[in-house]
Each structure stands twice: as structure tokens, then as C-alpha cells.
N, C-alpha and C. Protein backbone atom coordinates (compact mmCIF):
# COMPACT_ATOMS: atom_id res chain seq x y z
N MET A 1 -16.86 28.21 -9.84
CA MET A 1 -15.43 27.60 -8.99
C MET A 1 -16.34 25.73 -9.43
N PRO A 2 -15.42 25.36 -9.75
CA PRO A 2 -15.69 23.50 -10.17
C PRO A 2 -15.51 22.71 -9.31
N ILE A 3 -16.17 22.28 -8.65
CA ILE A 3 -16.20 20.91 -7.27
C ILE A 3 -15.07 19.72 -7.70
N THR A 4 -13.85 19.58 -6.86
CA THR A 4 -13.82 18.17 -7.17
C THR A 4 -14.33 17.10 -7.57
N PRO A 5 -14.29 16.33 -7.96
CA PRO A 5 -15.58 15.05 -8.52
C PRO A 5 -15.41 13.74 -7.68
N ASP A 6 -16.30 13.64 -6.97
CA ASP A 6 -15.99 12.35 -5.84
C ASP A 6 -15.93 10.94 -6.56
N GLN A 7 -15.08 10.85 -6.44
CA GLN A 7 -14.54 9.72 -6.59
C GLN A 7 -15.07 7.61 -5.66
N LYS A 8 -15.93 8.57 -5.11
CA LYS A 8 -16.07 7.20 -3.99
C LYS A 8 -17.31 6.38 -4.41
N ASP A 9 -17.12 5.04 -4.34
CA ASP A 9 -18.27 3.74 -4.76
C ASP A 9 -19.14 4.15 -3.89
N TRP A 10 -20.08 4.45 -3.45
CA TRP A 10 -20.68 5.14 -2.29
C TRP A 10 -21.74 3.31 -2.20
N THR A 11 -21.68 1.99 -3.55
CA THR A 11 -22.73 1.22 -2.95
C THR A 11 -22.37 0.47 -1.68
N TRP A 12 -21.34 0.59 -1.08
CA TRP A 12 -21.28 0.19 0.40
C TRP A 12 -21.90 0.70 1.26
N VAL A 13 -22.91 1.36 1.14
CA VAL A 13 -24.53 1.82 2.10
C VAL A 13 -24.96 1.01 1.37
N LEU A 14 -25.48 -0.04 0.82
CA LEU A 14 -25.99 -1.52 0.81
C LEU A 14 -25.71 -2.44 2.24
N THR A 15 -24.38 -2.39 2.49
CA THR A 15 -24.50 -3.51 3.35
C THR A 15 -23.68 -2.16 5.37
N ARG A 16 -24.18 -1.35 4.55
CA ARG A 16 -23.30 -0.59 6.89
C ARG A 16 -24.35 0.49 6.60
N THR A 17 -24.76 1.19 7.54
CA THR A 17 -24.76 2.63 8.31
C THR A 17 -23.95 3.22 7.97
N CYS A 18 -24.62 4.65 6.87
CA CYS A 18 -23.90 5.61 7.02
C CYS A 18 -23.21 6.86 7.98
N PRO A 19 -21.77 6.88 8.06
CA PRO A 19 -21.22 7.15 9.59
C PRO A 19 -21.74 9.10 9.33
N GLU A 20 -22.17 9.15 7.58
CA GLU A 20 -21.98 11.23 8.24
C GLU A 20 -23.05 11.62 8.51
N CYS A 21 -24.20 10.40 7.92
CA CYS A 21 -25.84 10.52 7.57
C CYS A 21 -26.49 10.07 8.47
N GLY A 22 -26.20 8.85 8.34
CA GLY A 22 -26.87 8.01 9.55
C GLY A 22 -27.82 6.89 8.82
N PHE A 23 -28.03 7.13 7.75
CA PHE A 23 -28.64 6.12 6.70
C PHE A 23 -28.76 4.62 6.78
N ASP A 24 -29.59 3.52 6.92
CA ASP A 24 -29.10 2.57 6.64
C ASP A 24 -30.18 1.89 5.77
N ALA A 25 -29.41 1.38 5.20
CA ALA A 25 -30.30 0.81 3.59
C ALA A 25 -30.98 -0.32 4.03
N ALA A 26 -30.43 -1.32 4.97
CA ALA A 26 -31.35 -2.63 5.10
C ALA A 26 -32.72 -1.93 6.44
N ALA A 27 -32.56 -0.54 6.96
CA ALA A 27 -33.65 -0.53 7.99
C ALA A 27 -34.74 -0.47 7.93
N PHE A 28 -35.10 0.11 6.42
CA PHE A 28 -37.06 -0.19 6.56
C PHE A 28 -37.44 -1.07 5.97
N PRO A 29 -38.80 -1.61 5.16
CA PRO A 29 -39.45 -2.68 4.54
C PRO A 29 -39.26 -2.10 3.38
N PHE A 30 -38.89 -2.68 1.78
CA PHE A 30 -39.00 -1.80 0.93
C PHE A 30 -40.40 -1.23 0.55
N GLU A 31 -40.97 -1.84 0.83
CA GLU A 31 -42.50 -1.14 0.44
C GLU A 31 -42.67 0.15 1.65
N GLU A 32 -41.90 0.54 1.33
CA GLU A 32 -41.92 2.12 2.55
C GLU A 32 -40.90 3.28 1.29
N LEU A 33 -40.83 2.61 0.30
CA LEU A 33 -39.33 3.00 -0.12
C LEU A 33 -40.31 4.11 -0.83
N PRO A 34 -41.11 4.11 -1.12
CA PRO A 34 -42.35 5.51 -2.44
C PRO A 34 -42.56 6.00 -1.26
N ARG A 35 -42.77 6.09 0.34
CA ARG A 35 -43.07 7.21 1.37
C ARG A 35 -42.36 7.86 1.43
N LEU A 36 -41.11 6.94 1.98
CA LEU A 36 -39.45 7.55 1.78
C LEU A 36 -39.12 8.90 1.26
N LEU A 37 -39.46 8.30 -0.09
CA LEU A 37 -38.42 9.16 -1.50
C LEU A 37 -39.57 10.50 -1.39
N LEU A 38 -40.65 10.12 -0.82
CA LEU A 38 -41.89 11.85 -1.31
C LEU A 38 -41.27 12.50 0.53
N GLU A 39 -41.05 11.63 1.71
CA GLU A 39 -41.00 12.45 2.22
C GLU A 39 -39.58 13.32 2.76
N ASN A 40 -38.95 12.91 2.17
CA ASN A 40 -37.13 12.75 1.88
C ASN A 40 -37.84 14.99 0.72
N ALA A 41 -38.39 14.62 -0.28
CA ALA A 41 -38.82 15.48 -1.43
C ALA A 41 -39.39 16.76 -0.85
N GLN A 42 -40.30 16.47 0.19
CA GLN A 42 -40.88 17.45 0.92
C GLN A 42 -40.19 18.98 1.74
N ARG A 43 -39.11 18.30 1.88
CA ARG A 43 -38.08 18.85 2.92
C ARG A 43 -37.80 19.63 2.26
N TRP A 44 -37.78 19.49 0.78
CA TRP A 44 -36.03 20.33 -0.24
C TRP A 44 -36.86 21.42 -0.59
N PRO A 45 -38.42 22.07 -0.70
CA PRO A 45 -38.52 23.52 -0.87
C PRO A 45 -37.60 24.50 0.05
N ALA A 46 -37.77 23.99 1.61
CA ALA A 46 -37.63 24.50 2.96
C ALA A 46 -36.07 24.67 2.40
N VAL A 47 -35.67 24.20 1.73
CA VAL A 47 -33.91 24.50 1.61
C VAL A 47 -34.11 25.21 1.12
N LEU A 48 -34.75 25.08 -0.73
CA LEU A 48 -34.70 25.88 -1.30
C LEU A 48 -35.06 26.90 -1.58
N GLY A 49 -35.39 27.86 -0.68
CA GLY A 49 -36.49 28.60 -0.24
C GLY A 49 -35.73 29.94 0.34
N ARG A 50 -34.26 29.20 0.96
CA ARG A 50 -33.16 30.21 1.47
C ARG A 50 -32.12 30.99 1.21
N ASP A 51 -32.54 31.95 1.83
CA ASP A 51 -31.73 33.31 1.32
C ASP A 51 -30.15 32.78 1.14
N ASP A 52 -29.87 32.01 1.75
CA ASP A 52 -28.21 31.99 1.29
C ASP A 52 -28.09 30.24 0.19
N VAL A 53 -29.02 30.27 -0.49
CA VAL A 53 -29.56 28.86 -1.31
C VAL A 53 -28.12 28.76 -2.61
N ARG A 54 -27.70 29.90 -2.55
CA ARG A 54 -26.66 29.90 -3.84
C ARG A 54 -25.23 30.00 -3.33
N ALA A 55 -25.08 29.99 -1.62
CA ALA A 55 -23.96 30.02 -0.92
C ALA A 55 -23.22 28.76 -0.92
N ARG A 56 -22.25 28.50 -1.49
CA ARG A 56 -21.06 27.38 -1.40
C ARG A 56 -20.53 27.84 0.76
N PRO A 57 -20.45 26.45 1.42
CA PRO A 57 -19.78 26.98 2.50
C PRO A 57 -18.40 27.03 2.46
N ASP A 58 -18.17 26.35 1.95
CA ASP A 58 -16.76 26.58 0.87
C ASP A 58 -16.14 26.19 -0.34
N ASP A 59 -14.97 26.24 -0.32
CA ASP A 59 -14.77 26.17 -2.08
C ASP A 59 -14.73 24.70 -2.25
N SER A 60 -14.57 23.62 -1.67
CA SER A 60 -14.74 21.75 -1.92
C SER A 60 -16.43 21.80 -2.38
N THR A 61 -17.51 21.93 -1.45
CA THR A 61 -18.85 21.62 -1.06
C THR A 61 -19.85 22.36 -1.96
N TRP A 62 -20.67 22.21 -2.36
CA TRP A 62 -22.08 22.32 -3.61
C TRP A 62 -22.61 23.28 -2.18
N SER A 63 -23.18 24.43 -3.33
CA SER A 63 -24.44 24.82 -2.49
C SER A 63 -25.76 23.82 -2.17
N ALA A 64 -26.79 24.76 -1.42
CA ALA A 64 -28.07 23.91 -1.68
C ALA A 64 -28.51 23.68 -2.57
N LEU A 65 -28.75 25.17 -3.14
CA LEU A 65 -29.00 25.22 -4.85
C LEU A 65 -28.46 23.51 -5.80
N GLU A 66 -27.27 23.48 -5.75
CA GLU A 66 -26.87 22.84 -6.32
C GLU A 66 -26.65 21.28 -5.97
N TYR A 67 -27.37 21.17 -4.93
CA TYR A 67 -27.72 19.62 -4.22
C TYR A 67 -28.85 19.65 -4.83
N GLY A 68 -29.84 20.51 -4.47
CA GLY A 68 -31.41 20.76 -4.92
C GLY A 68 -31.01 20.28 -5.95
N ALA A 69 -30.68 20.58 -6.96
CA ALA A 69 -30.61 20.60 -8.75
C ALA A 69 -29.88 19.00 -8.68
N HIS A 70 -28.50 18.29 -8.62
CA HIS A 70 -28.93 17.07 -7.86
C HIS A 70 -29.37 16.42 -7.93
N VAL A 71 -29.80 16.54 -6.53
CA VAL A 71 -31.33 15.29 -6.90
C VAL A 71 -32.50 15.39 -6.72
N ARG A 72 -32.39 16.31 -7.94
CA ARG A 72 -33.73 16.27 -8.96
C ARG A 72 -33.23 15.55 -10.21
N ASP A 73 -31.59 15.32 -10.26
CA ASP A 73 -31.39 14.61 -11.63
C ASP A 73 -30.86 13.61 -11.29
N VAL A 74 -30.92 13.10 -10.37
CA VAL A 74 -30.73 11.68 -9.65
C VAL A 74 -32.29 10.96 -10.20
N TYR A 75 -33.59 11.37 -9.30
CA TYR A 75 -34.61 11.22 -9.31
C TYR A 75 -34.95 10.88 -11.07
N ARG A 76 -34.80 11.60 -11.58
CA ARG A 76 -34.42 11.36 -12.75
C ARG A 76 -33.76 10.36 -13.36
N ILE A 77 -32.69 9.91 -13.00
CA ILE A 77 -32.04 9.32 -14.00
C ILE A 77 -32.12 8.08 -13.35
N PHE A 78 -32.24 7.43 -12.00
CA PHE A 78 -32.92 6.13 -11.09
C PHE A 78 -34.11 6.00 -11.98
N ALA A 79 -34.70 6.98 -12.10
CA ALA A 79 -36.36 6.91 -12.59
C ALA A 79 -36.35 5.61 -14.24
N ALA A 80 -35.25 6.97 -15.08
CA ALA A 80 -34.37 5.46 -16.31
C ALA A 80 -33.99 4.86 -15.50
N ARG A 81 -33.31 4.51 -14.80
CA ARG A 81 -32.91 3.00 -14.77
C ARG A 81 -34.02 1.85 -14.69
N LEU A 82 -34.79 1.99 -13.57
CA LEU A 82 -35.78 1.52 -13.15
C LEU A 82 -36.32 1.06 -14.52
N GLN A 83 -36.68 1.47 -15.25
CA GLN A 83 -37.33 1.47 -16.10
C GLN A 83 -37.03 -0.14 -17.36
N LEU A 84 -35.43 1.12 -17.40
CA LEU A 84 -34.86 0.10 -17.63
C LEU A 84 -35.10 -1.56 -17.27
N MET A 85 -34.39 -1.87 -16.08
CA MET A 85 -34.53 -3.29 -15.72
C MET A 85 -35.84 -3.81 -15.53
N LEU A 86 -36.95 -2.53 -15.88
CA LEU A 86 -38.17 -4.09 -15.87
C LEU A 86 -38.97 -3.96 -17.57
N THR A 87 -37.71 -3.39 -17.77
CA THR A 87 -38.42 -3.88 -19.75
C THR A 87 -37.74 -4.95 -20.79
N GLU A 88 -35.94 -4.71 -19.53
CA GLU A 88 -34.60 -5.28 -20.67
C GLU A 88 -34.37 -6.27 -19.36
N ASP A 89 -33.41 -7.50 -20.41
CA ASP A 89 -32.95 -8.11 -18.92
C ASP A 89 -31.69 -7.48 -18.90
N ASP A 90 -30.90 -7.31 -17.54
CA ASP A 90 -29.80 -6.88 -17.34
C ASP A 90 -29.03 -5.85 -18.34
N PRO A 91 -30.15 -5.10 -18.08
CA PRO A 91 -29.64 -3.57 -18.38
C PRO A 91 -28.04 -2.89 -17.78
N ALA A 92 -27.20 -2.99 -19.32
CA ALA A 92 -26.49 -1.76 -18.40
C ALA A 92 -26.57 -0.51 -18.44
N PHE A 93 -26.39 0.39 -17.92
CA PHE A 93 -26.57 1.76 -17.36
C PHE A 93 -26.05 2.23 -17.57
N GLU A 94 -25.88 3.69 -18.91
CA GLU A 94 -24.74 4.35 -19.32
C GLU A 94 -24.28 5.74 -17.93
N ASN A 95 -22.57 5.45 -18.07
CA ASN A 95 -22.27 6.31 -17.25
C ASN A 95 -23.23 7.94 -17.23
N TRP A 96 -22.92 8.26 -15.73
CA TRP A 96 -23.53 9.76 -15.57
C TRP A 96 -22.53 10.34 -14.90
N ASP A 97 -21.93 11.06 -15.49
CA ASP A 97 -21.23 12.12 -14.55
C ASP A 97 -21.77 13.14 -14.24
N GLN A 98 -22.07 13.43 -12.14
CA GLN A 98 -22.74 13.37 -11.74
C GLN A 98 -22.27 15.60 -11.66
N ASP A 99 -20.91 15.54 -11.48
CA ASP A 99 -19.67 16.73 -11.43
C ASP A 99 -19.96 17.88 -12.71
N ALA A 100 -19.86 16.23 -13.89
CA ALA A 100 -19.85 17.75 -15.28
C ALA A 100 -21.07 17.51 -15.85
N THR A 101 -22.08 17.19 -14.80
CA THR A 101 -23.57 17.14 -15.86
C THR A 101 -23.61 18.92 -14.57
N ALA A 102 -23.35 18.90 -13.16
CA ALA A 102 -23.24 20.51 -12.28
C ALA A 102 -23.01 21.49 -13.06
N GLU A 103 -21.42 21.31 -13.90
CA GLU A 103 -21.36 22.56 -14.20
C GLU A 103 -21.75 22.82 -15.99
N GLU A 104 -22.64 21.53 -16.93
CA GLU A 104 -22.90 21.97 -17.75
C GLU A 104 -24.82 22.09 -18.08
N ASP A 105 -24.69 22.17 -16.92
CA ASP A 105 -26.34 22.62 -16.14
C ASP A 105 -26.34 24.26 -15.40
N ARG A 106 -24.91 24.36 -15.16
CA ARG A 106 -25.01 25.57 -14.35
C ARG A 106 -26.28 25.35 -13.08
N TYR A 107 -25.86 24.39 -12.18
CA TYR A 107 -26.77 23.92 -11.95
C TYR A 107 -26.35 25.26 -10.41
N GLY A 108 -25.49 26.51 -9.75
CA GLY A 108 -26.14 27.16 -9.00
C GLY A 108 -26.24 28.26 -9.67
N GLU A 109 -26.83 28.27 -11.19
CA GLU A 109 -27.80 29.76 -11.94
C GLU A 109 -28.82 29.63 -11.24
N GLN A 110 -29.67 27.62 -11.53
CA GLN A 110 -30.72 28.04 -11.63
C GLN A 110 -32.21 28.49 -11.01
N ASP A 111 -32.89 28.82 -11.34
CA ASP A 111 -34.43 29.42 -10.47
C ASP A 111 -34.52 28.35 -9.23
N PRO A 112 -34.37 28.39 -7.85
CA PRO A 112 -34.61 27.26 -6.51
C PRO A 112 -36.01 27.13 -6.23
N ALA A 113 -36.56 27.81 -7.12
CA ALA A 113 -38.54 27.27 -7.19
C ALA A 113 -38.48 26.44 -8.30
N GLN A 114 -37.83 27.27 -9.38
CA GLN A 114 -38.07 25.98 -10.17
C GLN A 114 -37.03 24.62 -10.14
N VAL A 115 -36.45 24.50 -9.08
CA VAL A 115 -35.63 23.48 -9.16
C VAL A 115 -36.46 23.10 -8.56
N ALA A 116 -36.90 23.39 -7.08
CA ALA A 116 -38.06 22.61 -5.76
C ALA A 116 -39.01 22.58 -6.64
N ALA A 117 -39.91 22.75 -7.78
CA ALA A 117 -41.27 22.39 -8.17
C ALA A 117 -40.83 21.21 -8.85
N GLU A 118 -39.38 21.21 -9.38
CA GLU A 118 -38.93 19.44 -10.69
C GLU A 118 -38.57 18.32 -9.49
N LEU A 119 -37.78 18.91 -8.37
CA LEU A 119 -37.49 17.87 -7.82
C LEU A 119 -38.71 17.14 -7.17
N THR A 120 -39.26 17.88 -6.90
CA THR A 120 -40.81 17.07 -5.58
C THR A 120 -41.11 16.74 -6.76
N ALA A 121 -41.90 17.33 -8.18
CA ALA A 121 -42.48 16.30 -9.28
C ALA A 121 -41.88 15.16 -9.56
N SER A 122 -40.19 14.92 -9.57
CA SER A 122 -40.14 14.07 -9.99
C SER A 122 -39.32 12.79 -9.23
N ALA A 123 -39.49 13.41 -7.82
CA ALA A 123 -39.86 12.45 -7.04
C ALA A 123 -40.78 11.80 -6.44
N ARG A 124 -42.07 12.23 -7.31
CA ARG A 124 -43.55 11.92 -7.43
C ARG A 124 -43.30 10.50 -8.34
N LEU A 125 -42.91 11.67 -9.48
CA LEU A 125 -43.06 10.00 -10.55
C LEU A 125 -41.92 8.69 -10.08
N LEU A 126 -40.78 8.83 -9.66
CA LEU A 126 -40.35 7.60 -8.93
C LEU A 126 -40.59 7.39 -8.03
N SER A 127 -41.46 7.63 -7.04
CA SER A 127 -42.39 7.15 -5.87
C SER A 127 -43.51 5.97 -6.40
N ASP A 128 -44.28 6.56 -7.33
CA ASP A 128 -45.01 5.94 -7.89
C ASP A 128 -44.65 4.59 -8.79
N ALA A 129 -43.65 5.14 -9.51
CA ALA A 129 -42.71 3.62 -10.20
C ALA A 129 -42.27 2.53 -9.63
N PHE A 130 -41.75 3.00 -8.43
CA PHE A 130 -41.51 2.43 -7.40
C PHE A 130 -42.82 1.25 -6.42
N ALA A 131 -43.87 1.95 -6.63
CA ALA A 131 -44.72 1.40 -5.78
C ALA A 131 -45.52 0.51 -6.43
N ALA A 132 -45.30 1.14 -8.04
CA ALA A 132 -45.56 0.00 -9.05
C ALA A 132 -45.18 -1.41 -8.98
N VAL A 133 -43.92 -1.60 -8.64
CA VAL A 133 -42.82 -2.79 -8.62
C VAL A 133 -43.80 -3.94 -8.23
N PRO A 134 -43.66 -4.51 -8.59
CA PRO A 134 -44.10 -5.97 -8.79
C PRO A 134 -43.39 -7.02 -7.51
N THR A 135 -44.13 -7.48 -6.60
CA THR A 135 -42.48 -8.23 -5.89
C THR A 135 -42.46 -9.25 -6.87
N VAL A 136 -42.95 -9.33 -7.43
CA VAL A 136 -42.10 -10.64 -8.44
C VAL A 136 -41.01 -10.41 -9.56
N ALA A 137 -40.88 -8.19 -9.58
CA ALA A 137 -39.80 -7.87 -10.09
C ALA A 137 -38.85 -7.33 -9.75
N LEU A 138 -38.68 -7.37 -7.96
CA LEU A 138 -37.66 -6.69 -6.90
C LEU A 138 -36.28 -7.64 -7.37
N GLY A 139 -36.44 -8.99 -7.80
CA GLY A 139 -34.74 -9.40 -8.70
C GLY A 139 -34.42 -9.34 -9.65
N ARG A 140 -35.76 -8.49 -10.71
CA ARG A 140 -34.29 -8.41 -12.20
C ARG A 140 -32.69 -7.60 -11.75
N THR A 141 -32.56 -7.30 -12.78
CA THR A 141 -30.43 -6.88 -12.29
C THR A 141 -30.32 -5.68 -13.87
N GLY A 142 -29.56 -5.06 -13.08
CA GLY A 142 -28.84 -3.88 -14.18
C GLY A 142 -28.01 -3.97 -14.39
N LEU A 143 -27.11 -3.11 -14.88
CA LEU A 143 -25.69 -3.54 -14.44
C LEU A 143 -24.90 -1.48 -14.88
N ARG A 144 -24.11 -0.72 -13.49
CA ARG A 144 -23.65 -0.06 -13.83
C ARG A 144 -22.11 -0.11 -14.51
N SER A 145 -22.12 1.16 -14.75
CA SER A 145 -20.78 1.16 -16.00
C SER A 145 -19.50 0.82 -15.07
N ASP A 146 -19.62 0.83 -13.48
CA ASP A 146 -18.33 0.13 -13.37
C ASP A 146 -18.23 -0.85 -12.89
N GLY A 147 -19.47 -2.21 -13.13
CA GLY A 147 -19.37 -3.39 -12.70
C GLY A 147 -20.26 -3.27 -12.28
N SER A 148 -20.58 -2.74 -11.44
CA SER A 148 -22.06 -2.60 -9.88
C SER A 148 -23.16 -3.56 -10.64
N ARG A 149 -23.33 -4.56 -10.00
CA ARG A 149 -24.77 -4.64 -9.87
C ARG A 149 -25.54 -5.26 -9.18
N PHE A 150 -27.25 -4.11 -10.35
CA PHE A 150 -27.99 -4.02 -8.98
C PHE A 150 -29.14 -4.51 -9.00
N THR A 151 -30.14 -4.93 -8.13
CA THR A 151 -31.74 -5.48 -8.24
C THR A 151 -32.11 -4.21 -8.28
N VAL A 152 -33.14 -4.76 -8.88
CA VAL A 152 -34.48 -2.87 -8.67
C VAL A 152 -35.04 -3.03 -7.11
N GLU A 153 -34.39 -3.92 -5.89
CA GLU A 153 -34.75 -3.54 -4.85
C GLU A 153 -33.58 -2.86 -4.31
N THR A 154 -32.46 -3.33 -4.43
CA THR A 154 -31.23 -2.91 -3.62
C THR A 154 -31.10 -1.29 -4.91
N LEU A 155 -31.41 -1.34 -6.06
CA LEU A 155 -31.70 0.60 -6.99
C LEU A 155 -31.95 1.12 -5.83
N GLY A 156 -33.14 0.66 -5.10
CA GLY A 156 -34.12 1.55 -4.25
C GLY A 156 -33.73 1.75 -3.52
N ARG A 157 -32.72 0.86 -2.69
CA ARG A 157 -32.30 1.36 -1.19
C ARG A 157 -31.06 1.84 -1.59
N TYR A 158 -30.16 1.47 -2.33
CA TYR A 158 -29.32 3.03 -2.99
C TYR A 158 -29.43 3.61 -2.86
N LEU A 159 -29.88 4.55 -4.04
CA LEU A 159 -30.52 5.36 -4.12
C LEU A 159 -31.22 6.18 -3.09
N LEU A 160 -32.24 5.84 -2.50
CA LEU A 160 -32.60 6.84 -1.14
C LEU A 160 -31.35 7.14 -0.26
N HIS A 161 -30.25 6.51 -0.09
CA HIS A 161 -29.65 7.55 0.66
C HIS A 161 -28.91 8.80 -0.32
N ASP A 162 -28.91 9.05 -1.44
CA ASP A 162 -28.16 10.01 -2.04
C ASP A 162 -29.62 10.83 -1.34
N PRO A 163 -30.32 10.96 -1.51
CA PRO A 163 -31.14 12.82 -0.73
C PRO A 163 -31.24 12.64 0.33
N VAL A 164 -31.28 11.65 1.43
CA VAL A 164 -31.36 11.13 2.45
C VAL A 164 -29.63 12.67 2.98
N HIS A 165 -28.36 11.90 2.28
CA HIS A 165 -27.40 12.49 2.36
C HIS A 165 -27.16 13.49 2.30
N HIS A 166 -27.82 13.84 1.30
CA HIS A 166 -27.69 15.51 0.72
C HIS A 166 -29.07 16.05 1.38
N LEU A 167 -29.98 15.58 1.71
CA LEU A 167 -30.22 17.22 3.26
C LEU A 167 -29.55 16.73 4.58
N HIS A 168 -28.68 15.70 4.45
CA HIS A 168 -27.91 16.02 6.23
C HIS A 168 -26.92 16.87 5.23
N ASP A 169 -26.21 16.85 3.92
CA ASP A 169 -24.96 18.55 3.57
C ASP A 169 -26.00 19.56 4.05
N VAL A 170 -27.32 19.60 3.80
CA VAL A 170 -27.37 20.84 3.73
C VAL A 170 -28.49 21.40 5.29
N HIS A 171 -28.13 20.62 6.03
CA HIS A 171 -28.78 20.13 6.99
C HIS A 171 -30.46 21.18 7.06
N GLY A 172 -31.00 20.02 6.68
CA GLY A 172 -32.44 20.15 6.05
C GLY A 172 -32.75 19.70 6.86
């Protein structure tokens, strides 16, 4: 059964602590982002190895497997966005409908071990990409399809909330 699409604009996590997961985008030096991405990714294989990985807690919530596949794809999308920001002036990001992707790619039917491996690999690539960003490039900008403008730094801080929040969602 499809999940009702999330219509929230989560960019507010850049200015205040998330009351659900406790993430505070301003609480860490940006230089820690690569390490934090990897630490989060290292917790997902245990979640994706659970016996109930495919079970949805209710009709309106993704399973741990669906969340894991989503996080994997978030890492991939943001790696591409970061690359655009570093190579183009103020690029516009294509819209990504995460809910449509979950249905089209059948997140709930994917192999949990493969999702875990791909999530970990994608996190490492993204972590390495952020680690390689020179300080002078942190202010480079990009524009999301809804008009939200990010710098390289705010993109990284915004991005980190997603896997942290979803690990909280699945009690990881």
C-alpha cells in the first residue's frame, strides 16, 4: 500500500532542533559532517538485518527496509547535487519525488542485505565528496525546485537530518 506523500518543507531543520529526533544542524562543526554520515551509515546494516525489516508499523509508515532504501537514494541524490554545486554556478536541482521512487523501485521488495551494502557504499562516496570540499567552496549555491536555496554547507547540514531522523524512525 502506498504511503501518503510527505508534503512538509523540512528546510526548517537548518534553523531549529527537530523535536522528533533531536537533530540540531548547528550543533557540529561542518568538518565533522563526513564522519557523522559514516557513523550513521554504520548503524543501518543492523536495522536492515532485523527479522521484521519488511513490516510496516502501520499503514502510513514505511518499513525499516523502505527507510533504508530511501536513505541510500538520498545519499545518491545529494552526491549528485553536491557535484552540481561544485561544478556549475547556482544550479537548479531536478525535482525528486521520493514517494514515487519508493513505489516505482519497490523499496519494500528489495533485498535488505543489498540495500545495506549500497547504503554503506553510497554514504562513503558522499562522505568522501564532502571531505574533499575546499573551505572556499562552502558558500557555493544551488536551488531546489521549490525555490529553496542552499549553500554547500547548508546542503550538508540539511542532508544529515534525513538519515538521522529515519534511523530514529526505525529505532536504530
